[in-house]
Amino acid sequence: MKYYLIAGEASGDLHASNLMKGLLAEDPDADFRFFGGEMMEAVGGTKVRDYKDTAVMGMSDVVKNISKIAEKLKACKEDILAWKPDVVILVDYPGFNMKIARFCHYRKIKVFYYIAPKTWASRESRNRKLKAWVDRMFIVFPFEKEYFDQAGIPYIYEGNPLVDAIDSAVLTRPEEGRYIAILAGSRKGEISRTMPVAMKMADILHATPEFAGHKFLVGGAPARTMEDYEPYIEGRDYVKVLFGRTYDILSFADAALVNSGTASLEAALLGTPQVVCWSTSFVTAFLANYVVNVMDHIKFISLGNLILGRLSFRELIQYDFTPEESAREITRLVTDLPYRERMKADYAEIRELLGGSGASRKVAAAMISELKNR
């Protein structure tokens, strides 16, 4: 069968590539055409365009690249029509992929959505469109089941592909000696808000006897460059930025300060004691607080805590995210052994709730079954 996949970010490239491997295992004659990245390209098929060509990391980037995005959307639609796939598989990336879903629906092209838009967190209005335009959703978090049941949107849940990605990673120590990991997010705005606090935290810890010999390793985001980090690390020889080593950095760290997002769940699956941070503008924080109050199914901002349904690791949100509080929590994560062990026990439960390994192939098999039974 012919599978057309669309991924628009590094995480989508990763999960789509694993899904492609699963599809090949279940359908050796699978033919792929895709918008994606190097990992998808390594599996095989035809890459139409690299996601990095129009990678956007926030509203300002969207505005600056609006003409490029429009051209990409037009090219994608034309290519789908010309190739006539058996199914179009949308991987996350809702700003772009929801438009493709609508386009395909009205042209009677089958649409699967893998890693569904997080409408449980924001933009619930998309549920109506998902129900109308998508033939089948494939969700990746156990707490989404009840939510989409209530929304009346059919789905299939076969676990989370991040487990496969973690389990298949070949890990090597990125730095000799002990260190603290810092993951400041992927967007420029996240970096500009997280790095100043994280660096002051590093200064506080570095000045103490317990951490004087530690280094602080910052995981550089895939779409960013050293220019995004240099203003913050200047003059700090105990801070180092590494790109393309996120799993390595997390895996061997004594503890991690992680900007809320996928990296937090990755830290949990790798077994790294962590504290999550999140801050934004006053207006955005006010709206986020409103959403949390209105949508009572949202108790936490971290995927790991949401999956557990309770607080496993601390979340320092907005005004609680200070250098002093971050330093106190990192110190506790490193020195309080029972605290670390309780967190790691929670991590084992998170992994179990995510369904263990093999999710990518299970999803692939479910997709093929859906196509054969159409």
Protein backbone atom coordinates (compact mmCIF):
# COMPACT_ATOMS: atom_id res chain seq x y z
CA MET A 1 0.00 0.00 0.00
CA LYS A 2 0.97 3.63 -0.46
CA TYR A 3 1.47 5.68 2.70
CA TYR A 4 1.86 9.45 2.66
CA LEU A 5 3.24 10.79 5.97
CA ILE A 6 3.58 14.39 7.16
CA ALA A 7 5.80 15.31 10.11
CA GLY A 8 6.81 18.90 10.82
CA GLU A 9 9.16 18.69 13.80
CA ALA A 10 12.09 16.68 15.12
CA SER A 11 9.88 14.59 17.42
CA GLY A 12 7.49 13.89 14.56
CA ASP A 13 10.41 12.77 12.37
CA LEU A 14 11.46 10.33 15.11
CA HIS A 15 8.02 8.86 15.73
CA ALA A 16 7.11 8.74 12.04
CA SER A 17 10.34 6.88 11.26
CA ASN A 18 9.55 4.25 13.89
CA LEU A 19 6.00 3.96 12.55
CA MET A 20 7.42 3.46 9.03
CA LYS A 21 9.60 0.63 10.34
CA GLY A 22 6.48 -0.92 11.87
CA LEU A 23 4.54 -0.54 8.63
CA LEU A 24 7.36 -2.21 6.68
CA ALA A 25 7.39 -5.09 9.15
CA GLU A 26 3.64 -5.58 8.69
CA ASP A 27 3.53 -4.68 4.99
CA PRO A 28 6.83 -5.47 3.22
CA ASP A 29 5.52 -3.83 0.04
CA ALA A 30 4.85 -0.53 1.79
CA ASP A 31 5.61 2.50 -0.38
CA PHE A 32 6.33 5.76 1.45
CA ARG A 33 6.23 9.39 0.36
CA PHE A 34 6.60 12.06 3.00
CA PHE A 35 7.29 15.51 4.33
CA GLY A 36 9.76 14.83 7.13
CA GLY A 37 13.39 14.56 8.11
CA GLU A 38 16.56 12.50 8.12
CA MET A 39 15.23 9.70 10.31
CA MET A 40 12.28 9.07 8.01
CA GLU A 41 14.60 9.28 5.01
CA ALA A 42 16.83 6.59 6.54
CA VAL A 43 13.89 4.15 6.58
CA GLY A 44 13.21 4.59 2.86
CA GLY A 45 10.73 6.03 0.42
CA THR A 46 10.66 9.47 -1.15
CA LYS A 47 11.17 12.63 0.87
CA VAL A 48 9.31 15.46 -0.82
CA ARG A 49 10.53 18.16 1.54
CA ASP A 50 12.53 18.41 4.75
CA TYR A 51 10.60 19.72 7.74
CA LYS A 52 13.52 22.02 8.62
CA ASP A 53 12.92 24.06 5.45
CA THR A 54 10.00 25.80 7.11
CA ALA A 55 10.47 24.92 10.76
CA VAL A 56 8.65 27.47 12.92
CA MET A 57 9.04 27.77 16.67
CA GLY A 58 6.36 30.19 17.78
CA MET A 59 3.94 32.84 16.56
CA SER A 60 6.64 35.31 15.51
CA ASP A 61 8.25 32.66 13.29
CA VAL A 62 4.85 31.84 11.79
CA VAL A 63 4.31 35.48 10.84
CA LYS A 64 7.81 35.79 9.33
CA ASN A 65 7.43 32.58 7.33
CA ILE A 66 3.78 32.86 6.34
CA SER A 67 4.46 32.86 2.59
CA LYS A 68 6.80 29.85 2.86
CA ILE A 69 4.25 27.93 4.90
CA ALA A 70 1.51 28.74 2.40
CA GLU A 71 3.72 27.53 -0.45
CA LYS A 72 4.54 24.35 1.47
CA LEU A 73 0.84 23.71 2.10
CA LYS A 74 0.03 24.19 -1.59
CA ALA A 75 2.88 21.90 -2.66
CA CYS A 76 1.81 19.23 -0.19
CA LYS A 77 -1.78 19.23 -1.42
CA GLU A 78 -0.73 19.01 -5.07
CA ASP A 79 1.70 16.19 -4.31
CA ILE A 80 -0.94 14.17 -2.46
CA LEU A 81 -3.36 14.48 -5.36
CA ALA A 82 -0.70 13.47 -7.88
CA TRP A 83 0.54 10.45 -5.90
CA LYS A 84 -2.91 9.10 -4.91
CA PRO A 85 -1.96 7.38 -1.61
CA ASP A 86 -4.07 4.75 0.12
CA VAL A 87 -3.88 6.86 3.27
CA VAL A 88 -2.40 10.12 4.51
CA ILE A 89 -0.89 9.77 7.98
CA LEU A 90 -0.62 13.05 9.88
CA VAL A 91 1.94 13.07 12.70
CA ASP A 92 1.28 15.74 15.38
CA TYR A 93 2.03 19.25 13.91
CA PRO A 94 -1.64 20.37 14.10
CA GLY A 95 -1.30 23.91 12.73
CA PHE A 96 -0.35 22.48 9.34
CA ASN A 97 -1.84 19.00 9.48
CA MET A 98 -5.38 20.05 10.36
CA LYS A 99 -5.48 21.94 7.05
CA ILE A 100 -4.30 18.81 5.24
CA ALA A 101 -6.95 16.74 7.06
CA ARG A 102 -9.68 19.05 5.79
CA PHE A 103 -8.27 19.00 2.26
CA CYS A 104 -8.08 15.19 2.16
CA HIS A 105 -11.52 14.68 3.70
CA TYR A 106 -13.28 16.69 1.02
CA ARG A 107 -11.41 14.75 -1.67
CA LYS A 108 -12.30 11.39 -0.09
CA ILE A 109 -8.70 10.53 0.76
CA LYS A 110 -8.41 8.41 3.90
CA VAL A 111 -6.82 10.25 6.85
CA PHE A 112 -5.19 8.81 9.96
CA TYR A 113 -3.95 11.13 12.71
CA TYR A 114 -1.04 9.75 14.73
CA ILE A 115 -0.21 11.60 17.97
CA ALA A 116 -3.40 13.61 18.05
CA PRO A 117 -3.61 17.36 18.71
CA LYS A 118 -3.63 18.01 22.45
CA THR A 119 -7.14 19.39 22.51
CA TRP A 120 -7.42 18.29 26.14
CA ALA A 121 -4.96 21.13 26.91
CA SER A 122 -6.13 23.84 24.51
CA ARG A 123 -8.26 24.57 21.44
CA GLU A 124 -11.05 22.11 22.19
CA SER A 125 -12.83 23.55 19.15
CA ARG A 126 -10.58 21.30 17.05
CA ASN A 127 -12.46 18.25 18.33
CA ARG A 128 -15.37 18.97 16.02
CA LYS A 129 -12.97 19.12 13.06
CA LEU A 130 -11.13 15.97 14.11
CA LYS A 131 -14.43 14.13 14.28
CA ALA A 132 -15.45 15.37 10.83
CA TRP A 133 -12.19 15.18 8.89
CA VAL A 134 -10.17 12.29 10.38
CA ASP A 135 -11.05 8.66 9.68
CA ARG A 136 -9.17 7.31 12.71
CA MET A 137 -7.07 8.83 15.45
CA PHE A 138 -4.20 6.99 17.07
CA ILE A 139 -3.59 8.45 20.52
CA VAL A 140 -0.45 7.99 22.63
CA PHE A 141 -1.38 8.84 26.24
CA PRO A 142 -3.61 6.69 28.47
CA PHE A 143 -5.36 9.70 30.02
CA GLU A 144 -6.53 10.71 26.52
CA LYS A 145 -8.84 7.70 26.33
CA GLU A 146 -11.45 9.02 28.73
CA TYR A 147 -11.20 12.50 27.23
CA PHE A 148 -11.79 11.40 23.62
CA ASP A 149 -14.49 8.96 24.74
CA GLN A 150 -16.37 11.91 26.22
CA ALA A 151 -15.69 13.95 23.07
CA GLY A 152 -17.18 11.16 20.97
CA ILE A 153 -14.11 10.81 18.74
CA PRO A 154 -13.14 7.25 17.71
CA TYR A 155 -9.53 6.34 18.44
CA ILE A 156 -7.08 3.48 18.80
CA TYR A 157 -4.58 3.34 21.67
CA GLU A 158 -1.60 0.99 21.41
CA GLY A 159 0.87 2.64 23.77
CA ASN A 160 3.40 5.44 23.38
CA PRO A 161 6.17 5.37 20.73
CA LEU A 162 8.54 7.28 23.00
CA VAL A 163 9.14 4.04 24.89
CA ASP A 164 10.46 2.47 21.66
CA ALA A 165 12.63 5.51 20.95
CA ILE A 166 14.17 5.40 24.42
CA ASP A 167 14.68 1.64 24.44
CA SER A 168 16.38 1.64 21.02
CA ALA A 169 18.74 4.54 21.83
CA VAL A 170 22.45 3.79 22.11
CA LEU A 171 23.58 5.85 25.10
CA THR A 172 27.09 7.16 25.68
CA ARG A 173 28.33 9.42 28.46
CA PRO A 174 28.57 12.97 27.06
CA GLU A 175 30.95 14.33 29.71
CA GLU A 176 33.36 12.96 32.26
CA GLY A 177 32.53 13.57 35.91
CA ARG A 178 29.26 14.52 37.55
CA TYR A 179 26.87 17.06 36.08
CA ILE A 180 23.37 18.52 36.18
CA ALA A 181 21.28 18.51 33.00
CA ILE A 182 19.40 21.59 31.80
CA LEU A 183 16.79 21.39 29.05
CA ALA A 184 15.50 24.88 28.41
CA GLY A 185 12.91 24.13 25.73
CA SER A 186 12.98 24.38 21.96
CA ARG A 187 11.42 27.76 21.22
CA LYS A 188 13.36 31.00 21.42
CA GLY A 189 10.87 32.38 23.91
CA GLU A 190 11.26 29.36 26.17
CA ILE A 191 15.04 29.63 26.03
CA SER A 192 15.01 33.35 26.77
CA ARG A 193 12.85 32.81 29.86
CA THR A 194 14.42 29.59 31.14
CA MET A 195 18.15 30.14 30.60
CA PRO A 196 18.60 33.25 32.80
CA VAL A 197 17.00 31.49 35.77
CA ALA A 198 18.82 28.23 35.05
CA MET A 199 22.19 30.00 34.86
CA LYS A 200 21.62 31.80 38.17
CA MET A 201 20.68 28.42 39.63
CA ALA A 202 23.96 27.02 38.27
CA ASP A 203 25.84 29.92 39.88
CA ILE A 204 24.22 29.23 43.25
CA LEU A 205 24.97 25.52 43.11
CA HIS A 206 28.50 25.94 41.77
CA ALA A 207 29.30 28.14 44.79
CA THR A 208 28.42 25.33 47.23
CA PRO A 209 30.81 22.55 48.32
CA GLU A 210 28.38 19.82 47.20
CA PHE A 211 28.31 21.03 43.59
CA ALA A 212 31.65 22.79 43.17
CA GLY A 213 32.90 19.89 41.05
CA HIS A 214 29.74 19.50 39.00
CA LYS A 215 29.28 20.76 35.47
CA PHE A 216 25.99 21.89 33.96
CA LEU A 217 25.15 20.46 30.53
CA VAL A 218 22.55 22.24 28.44
CA GLY A 219 20.79 20.18 25.78
CA GLY A 220 20.69 22.31 22.64
CA ALA A 221 17.35 22.14 20.82
CA PRO A 222 17.41 20.68 17.25
CA ALA A 223 16.26 23.86 15.48
CA ARG A 224 18.49 26.20 17.50
CA THR A 225 22.18 27.19 17.26
CA MET A 226 24.90 28.22 19.71
CA GLU A 227 23.93 31.85 19.10
CA ASP A 228 20.72 31.17 21.02
CA TYR A 229 22.68 30.07 24.11
CA GLU A 230 25.95 32.02 24.08
CA PRO A 231 24.58 35.20 25.75
CA TYR A 232 23.55 33.14 28.78
CA ILE A 233 26.58 30.86 29.25
CA GLU A 234 29.25 33.51 28.66
CA GLY A 235 31.80 33.60 31.49
CA ARG A 236 30.63 30.30 32.97
CA ASP A 237 33.27 27.66 32.28
CA TYR A 238 31.24 25.11 34.25
CA VAL A 239 28.37 25.31 31.74
CA LYS A 240 28.46 23.56 28.36
CA VAL A 241 25.94 23.28 25.51
CA LEU A 242 25.71 20.05 23.50
CA PHE A 243 23.52 19.46 20.45
CA GLY A 244 22.06 16.13 19.38
CA ARG A 245 22.80 14.46 22.73
CA THR A 246 19.58 14.93 24.69
CA TYR A 247 19.16 11.28 25.71
CA ASP A 248 22.84 10.99 26.62
CA ILE A 249 22.72 14.18 28.68
CA LEU A 250 19.62 13.09 30.59
CA SER A 251 20.66 9.48 31.07
CA PHE A 252 23.95 10.17 32.89
CA ALA A 253 22.92 13.30 34.81
CA ASP A 254 22.64 13.39 38.60
CA ALA A 255 19.43 15.39 38.15
CA ALA A 256 17.75 17.60 35.56
CA LEU A 257 15.98 20.93 35.31
CA VAL A 258 13.53 20.46 32.42
CA ASN A 259 11.29 22.92 30.65
CA SER A 260 7.84 21.35 30.51
CA GLY A 261 7.27 19.28 27.37
CA THR A 262 8.26 15.97 25.82
CA ALA A 263 11.71 16.20 27.44
CA SER A 264 10.09 15.76 30.84
CA LEU A 265 8.56 12.43 29.78
CA GLU A 266 11.88 11.43 28.21
CA ALA A 267 13.61 12.13 31.54
CA ALA A 268 11.08 9.92 33.31
CA LEU A 269 11.57 7.04 30.87
CA LEU A 270 15.35 7.38 31.18
CA GLY A 271 15.10 7.38 34.98
CA THR A 272 16.54 10.86 35.58
CA PRO A 273 15.41 12.66 38.78
CA GLN A 274 13.94 15.94 37.62
CA VAL A 275 12.22 19.18 38.42
CA VAL A 276 10.05 20.74 35.74
CA CYS A 277 9.94 24.47 35.12
CA TRP A 278 7.61 26.66 33.11
CA SER A 279 7.19 30.40 32.75
CA THR A 280 5.69 32.72 30.20
CA SER A 281 4.29 36.22 29.77
CA PHE A 282 1.74 37.53 32.26
CA VAL A 283 -1.10 37.35 29.71
CA THR A 284 -0.28 33.80 28.62
CA ALA A 285 0.09 32.70 32.24
CA PHE A 286 -3.29 34.24 33.08
CA LEU A 287 -4.96 32.43 30.18
CA ALA A 288 -3.21 29.15 31.05
CA ASN A 289 -4.44 29.42 34.63
CA TYR A 290 -7.96 30.03 33.31
CA VAL A 291 -7.75 26.93 31.09
CA VAL A 292 -6.58 24.78 34.02
CA ASN A 293 -9.45 26.04 36.16
CA VAL A 294 -12.06 25.47 33.43
CA MET A 295 -10.73 22.14 32.12
CA ASP A 296 -10.76 20.19 35.36
CA HIS A 297 -9.08 17.15 33.78
CA ILE A 298 -5.83 19.12 33.61
CA LYS A 299 -4.18 18.87 37.02
CA PHE A 300 -0.53 19.22 35.99
CA ILE A 301 1.60 20.65 33.21
CA SER A 302 3.95 17.65 32.87
CA LEU A 303 3.06 14.57 30.84
CA GLY A 304 4.52 12.21 33.44
CA ASN A 305 2.43 13.67 36.24
CA LEU A 306 -0.65 13.71 33.98
CA ILE A 307 -0.13 10.03 33.14
CA LEU A 308 0.19 9.11 36.83
CA GLY A 309 -2.65 11.36 37.89
CA ARG A 310 -0.56 12.62 40.80
CA LEU A 311 2.54 14.68 41.46
CA SER A 312 5.69 12.57 41.10
CA PHE A 313 8.17 15.40 40.48
CA ARG A 314 7.79 19.07 41.29
CA GLU A 315 6.56 21.65 38.81
CA LEU A 316 7.92 25.16 39.32
CA ILE A 317 5.42 27.30 37.47
CA GLN A 318 5.73 31.00 36.70
CA TYR A 319 6.55 32.88 39.92
CA ASP A 320 7.66 29.70 41.69
CA PHE A 321 10.36 29.23 39.07
CA THR A 322 13.25 31.08 40.72
CA PRO A 323 17.00 30.37 40.86
CA GLU A 324 16.80 29.77 44.62
CA GLU A 325 13.87 27.33 44.50
CA SER A 326 15.36 25.52 41.51
CA ALA A 327 18.68 25.15 43.35
CA ARG A 328 16.92 23.82 46.46
CA GLU A 329 15.03 21.22 44.46
CA ILE A 330 18.10 20.09 42.49
CA THR A 331 19.99 19.74 45.78
CA ARG A 332 17.22 17.57 47.19
CA LEU A 333 17.11 15.44 44.05
CA VAL A 334 20.83 14.74 44.35
CA THR A 335 21.16 14.31 48.13
CA ASP A 336 17.84 12.85 49.33
CA LEU A 337 18.09 9.16 48.42
CA PRO A 338 14.54 8.12 49.54
CA TYR A 339 13.13 11.04 47.51
CA ARG A 340 15.03 9.85 44.41
CA GLU A 341 13.93 6.25 44.89
CA ARG A 342 10.25 7.20 45.25
CA MET A 343 10.50 9.18 42.02
CA LYS A 344 12.12 6.28 40.20
CA ALA A 345 9.35 3.95 41.42
CA ASP A 346 6.85 6.40 39.92
CA TYR A 347 8.84 6.34 36.68
CA ALA A 348 8.42 2.54 36.50
CA GLU A 349 4.66 3.03 36.89
CA ILE A 350 4.65 5.65 34.12
CA ARG A 351 6.40 3.21 31.79
CA GLU A 352 3.87 0.50 32.64
CA LEU A 353 0.93 2.83 32.03
CA LEU A 354 2.38 3.72 28.62
CA GLY A 355 2.07 0.09 27.59
CA GLY A 356 5.70 -0.97 27.36
CA SER A 357 7.64 -1.38 24.15
CA GLY A 358 6.40 -2.24 20.66
CA ALA A 359 3.86 0.59 20.31
CA SER A 360 5.04 1.65 16.85
CA ARG A 361 4.53 -1.80 15.35
CA LYS A 362 1.19 -2.26 17.13
CA VAL A 363 -0.03 1.05 15.69
CA ALA A 364 1.22 0.03 12.24
CA ALA A 365 -0.68 -3.26 12.45
CA ALA A 366 -3.84 -1.43 13.56
CA MET A 367 -3.53 1.02 10.67
CA ILE A 368 -3.18 -1.76 8.13
CA SER A 369 -6.17 -3.56 9.63
CA GLU A 370 -8.23 -0.36 9.33
CA LEU A 371 -7.23 0.02 5.68
CA LYS A 372 -8.03 -3.60 4.83
CA ASN A 373 -11.45 -3.38 6.49
CA ARG A 374 -12.47 -0.12 4.83
